[in-house]
Protein backbone atom coordinates (compact mmCIF):
# COMPACT_ATOMS: atom_id res chain seq x y z
CA MET A 1 -71.06 -50.11 -109.26
CA HIS A 2 -68.11 -52.24 -110.30
CA TYR A 3 -64.58 -52.22 -108.91
CA PRO A 4 -62.15 -55.03 -109.75
CA ASP A 5 -61.30 -57.40 -106.92
CA LEU A 6 -58.18 -56.36 -105.00
CA SER A 7 -58.16 -52.83 -106.49
CA GLU A 8 -57.70 -49.77 -104.26
CA TYR A 9 -60.91 -48.61 -102.55
CA SER A 10 -62.24 -45.23 -103.70
CA TYR A 11 -66.05 -45.43 -103.38
CA ASN A 12 -67.47 -41.87 -103.33
CA LEU A 13 -63.96 -40.43 -102.87
CA PRO A 14 -61.84 -38.30 -105.24
CA PHE A 15 -58.86 -40.65 -104.68
CA GLY A 16 -58.11 -44.15 -103.46
CA LEU A 17 -57.36 -45.10 -99.87
CA PRO A 18 -54.01 -46.88 -99.58
CA GLY A 19 -54.24 -50.16 -97.76
CA VAL A 20 -57.99 -50.45 -98.35
CA ILE A 21 -58.91 -53.05 -100.96
CA ASN A 22 -62.12 -53.73 -102.92
CA VAL A 23 -63.71 -57.18 -103.06
CA GLY A 24 -67.07 -58.21 -104.48
CA TRP A 25 -68.20 -55.05 -106.26
CA LEU A 26 -69.93 -57.04 -109.01
CA SER A 27 -71.73 -55.92 -112.11
CA ARG A 28 -73.50 -57.76 -114.89
CA SER A 29 -71.17 -56.15 -117.43
CA HIS A 30 -67.97 -57.59 -115.86
CA GLU A 31 -66.92 -61.20 -115.37
CA PHE A 32 -66.29 -62.45 -111.83
CA SER A 33 -64.81 -65.57 -110.22
CA VAL A 34 -67.21 -68.43 -109.63
CA GLY A 35 -66.47 -71.38 -107.37
CA SER A 36 -67.16 -72.97 -104.04
CA VAL A 37 -66.95 -71.10 -100.76
CA SER A 38 -67.11 -72.94 -97.45
CA GLN A 39 -70.39 -72.93 -95.58
CA GLU A 40 -68.46 -71.53 -92.61
CA ALA A 41 -67.37 -68.50 -94.66
CA ILE A 42 -70.86 -67.97 -96.08
CA LEU A 43 -72.40 -67.99 -92.60
CA GLU A 44 -69.74 -65.58 -91.35
CA LEU A 45 -70.45 -63.20 -94.25
CA GLU A 46 -74.14 -63.32 -93.41
CA LYS A 47 -73.42 -62.55 -89.74
CA SER A 48 -71.17 -59.70 -90.85
CA VAL A 49 -74.11 -58.02 -92.58
CA VAL A 50 -75.22 -57.15 -89.05
CA SER A 51 -71.90 -56.72 -87.22
CA ARG A 52 -69.45 -55.21 -89.75
CA ARG A 53 -71.55 -52.59 -91.55
CA ALA A 54 -69.96 -49.28 -92.47
CA ASN A 55 -70.75 -46.39 -94.80
CA GLN A 56 -74.51 -46.90 -94.56
CA THR A 57 -76.36 -45.08 -97.36
CA ARG A 58 -79.94 -43.88 -97.59
CA GLY A 59 -80.80 -45.74 -100.78
CA PHE A 60 -80.41 -49.28 -102.03
CA HIS A 61 -78.40 -50.82 -104.83
CA ILE A 62 -80.29 -53.75 -106.29
CA CYS A 63 -78.64 -56.93 -107.50
CA GLU A 64 -77.85 -56.45 -111.20
CA LEU A 65 -77.29 -60.18 -111.57
CA CYS A 66 -80.88 -61.07 -110.60
CA ASP A 67 -82.74 -58.51 -112.69
CA ALA A 68 -84.33 -57.55 -109.37
CA VAL A 69 -86.47 -54.47 -108.99
CA LYS A 70 -86.48 -54.53 -105.19
CA PRO A 71 -83.65 -54.69 -102.66
CA VAL A 72 -82.40 -58.17 -101.78
CA ARG A 73 -83.52 -59.56 -98.41
CA LEU A 74 -81.17 -61.69 -96.36
CA ILE A 75 -82.46 -63.90 -93.59
CA SER A 76 -79.49 -65.21 -91.63
CA ALA A 77 -79.22 -68.55 -89.86
CA SER A 78 -80.04 -66.74 -86.59
CA GLY A 79 -83.26 -65.35 -88.10
CA ASP A 80 -82.05 -61.76 -88.52
CA GLU A 81 -83.54 -60.13 -91.60
CA ARG A 82 -81.74 -57.35 -93.48
CA LEU A 83 -82.18 -55.53 -96.73
CA LEU A 84 -78.91 -55.60 -98.66
CA GLY A 85 -77.44 -53.03 -100.99
CA SER A 86 -77.05 -50.03 -98.68
CA ALA A 87 -73.80 -50.55 -96.76
CA GLU A 88 -70.28 -51.92 -96.89
CA LEU A 89 -68.59 -54.66 -94.89
CA TRP A 90 -65.05 -53.89 -93.67
CA PHE A 91 -62.63 -56.63 -92.60
CA PRO A 92 -59.10 -56.24 -91.21
CA SER A 93 -56.60 -58.67 -92.68
CA LEU A 94 -54.31 -60.95 -90.76
CA GLY A 95 -51.02 -59.50 -89.55
CA GLY A 96 -51.79 -55.84 -90.15
CA GLY A 97 -52.16 -56.10 -93.94
CA PRO A 98 -54.82 -54.33 -95.97
CA VAL A 99 -58.42 -53.77 -94.97
CA TYR A 100 -60.90 -55.44 -97.30
CA VAL A 101 -64.14 -53.67 -98.22
CA ALA A 102 -67.12 -55.33 -99.87
CA PRO A 103 -70.69 -54.22 -100.50
CA ASP A 104 -73.09 -55.96 -98.14
CA LEU A 105 -74.56 -57.63 -101.23
CA ILE A 106 -71.50 -59.90 -101.21
CA ALA A 107 -73.36 -62.32 -98.93
CA HIS A 108 -76.03 -62.66 -101.64
CA TYR A 109 -73.49 -62.83 -104.48
CA VAL A 110 -71.68 -65.74 -102.82
CA ARG A 111 -74.77 -67.74 -101.81
CA VAL A 112 -77.00 -67.14 -104.83
CA HIS A 113 -74.65 -66.42 -107.74
CA GLY A 114 -71.68 -68.61 -106.79
CA TYR A 115 -69.24 -65.73 -106.57
CA ALA A 116 -65.87 -66.86 -105.18
CA PRO A 117 -64.03 -63.97 -103.48
CA PRO A 118 -60.22 -64.04 -103.31
CA ASP A 119 -58.78 -66.46 -100.74
CA GLU A 120 -57.15 -63.66 -98.74
CA PHE A 121 -60.55 -62.01 -98.31
CA ILE A 122 -62.12 -65.25 -97.07
CA ALA A 123 -59.23 -65.62 -94.60
CA ALA A 124 -59.90 -62.08 -93.33
CA VAL A 125 -63.64 -62.79 -92.98
CA LEU A 126 -62.96 -65.90 -90.92
CA ALA A 127 -60.26 -64.22 -88.82
CA ALA A 128 -62.50 -61.21 -88.10
CA ARG A 129 -64.57 -63.33 -85.72
CA THR A 130 -61.91 -62.68 -83.09
CA ALA A 131 -61.43 -58.96 -83.85
CA THR A 132 -64.10 -57.87 -81.38
CA LYS A 133 -62.66 -54.42 -80.63
CA TRP A 134 -62.27 -53.42 -84.27
CA ASN A 135 -64.97 -50.94 -85.39
CA PRO A 136 -65.48 -50.87 -89.20
CA ASP A 137 -67.29 -47.51 -89.24
CA GLU A 138 -64.61 -45.86 -87.09
CA GLU A 139 -61.86 -47.38 -89.25
CA ARG A 140 -63.48 -45.90 -92.36
CA ARG A 141 -63.90 -42.45 -90.77
CA MET A 142 -60.28 -42.44 -89.60
CA ARG A 143 -58.85 -43.46 -92.98
CA VAL A 144 -61.00 -41.05 -95.00
CA HIS A 145 -60.18 -38.18 -92.63
CA ALA A 146 -56.45 -38.89 -92.86
CA ALA A 147 -56.65 -38.99 -96.66
CA PHE A 148 -58.42 -35.62 -96.85
CA VAL A 149 -55.99 -34.03 -94.38
CA HIS A 150 -53.09 -35.32 -96.47
CA SER A 151 -54.69 -33.96 -99.65
CA ALA A 152 -55.40 -30.53 -98.10
CA ASP A 153 -51.87 -30.24 -96.70
CA SER A 154 -50.40 -30.99 -100.08
CA MET A 155 -52.62 -28.45 -101.84
CA GLN A 156 -51.63 -25.75 -99.31
CA ARG A 157 -48.01 -26.36 -100.20
CA GLY A 158 -48.93 -25.53 -103.79
CA GLY A 159 -48.22 -28.91 -105.28
CA LYS A 160 -50.15 -31.69 -106.74
CA THR A 161 -51.49 -34.16 -104.25
CA PRO A 162 -48.97 -37.00 -104.14
CA PRO A 163 -50.15 -40.53 -103.56
CA LEU A 164 -50.88 -41.11 -99.89
CA GLY A 165 -48.34 -43.89 -99.64
CA GLY A 166 -45.49 -41.75 -101.01
């Protein structure tokens, strides 16, 4: 599934979530940025596959860029092994800005395919090491719930659902 980098997050939702931004939702049929990413950021992404998972699904999305027929395996520097393609990674940004959401396959995309995520995403990944009390799954539940409550309230008033930010 492809979403452009820095677009509003709406995976499996009827509307976007304000303040939640897509990064790394790559597809073979869309171009993506290629470049170098620091080893420090790559290792942090790989650690995040374990610690920042949210929206876990029951199936797997395979890497379209590899022509793979099986889920991608990630073995981190610490020896943890994970199958990728079944969850998202959520990262708070610095200073209360947007939350960045990437498929867990982003760790593979960066290491194997040379994908270069936006700089502000990399900054959030590196800064997240100190956000120990921030729970990605709880953040997602809270934001999705608030969006649906907003939508239901608007519909009860008989109007169209206005954008959540307005």
